[in-house]
Amino acid sequence: MRASFTSAIAFLGLAACVSETPSADPYPFVGSWDCGVATFTFTNTTYNNGTDTYPIRFVARDGRNYTLRLGDGSTIGLGLVTDTGLTWISGATSDQFSCRRVN
């Protein structure tokens, strides 16, 4: 458990080190993802947690990992993004969910 927490914190810290200009092409995480607790949906410019939609203000990329800063000031991490799965990580609580693509 401690390794997951440490990894999550290190991963979310990447935003301070890596920056990315806005993408004209869809990011690999764009789409809907079943994360067990809810279906999360991403566009290039928004994130929906199953209840509320937030603008994405900043995206940092490091390989297959992404850090997103949202319009409400929160940060989430998307780790090991593939065509079929990703790990969602909360910047506030370090909660992690394994997610599978639903579209």
Foldseek 3Di string as FASTA:
>chain_A
DVVLLVVLQVLQVCCVVFFDDQDPDWDLQAAWKCQPVAIWHDTSFWIDPRDDIWGFDGWGDDPQKIWTQTPVRWIWIWAPRDNFWTWIAGPVPRDITIITGPD
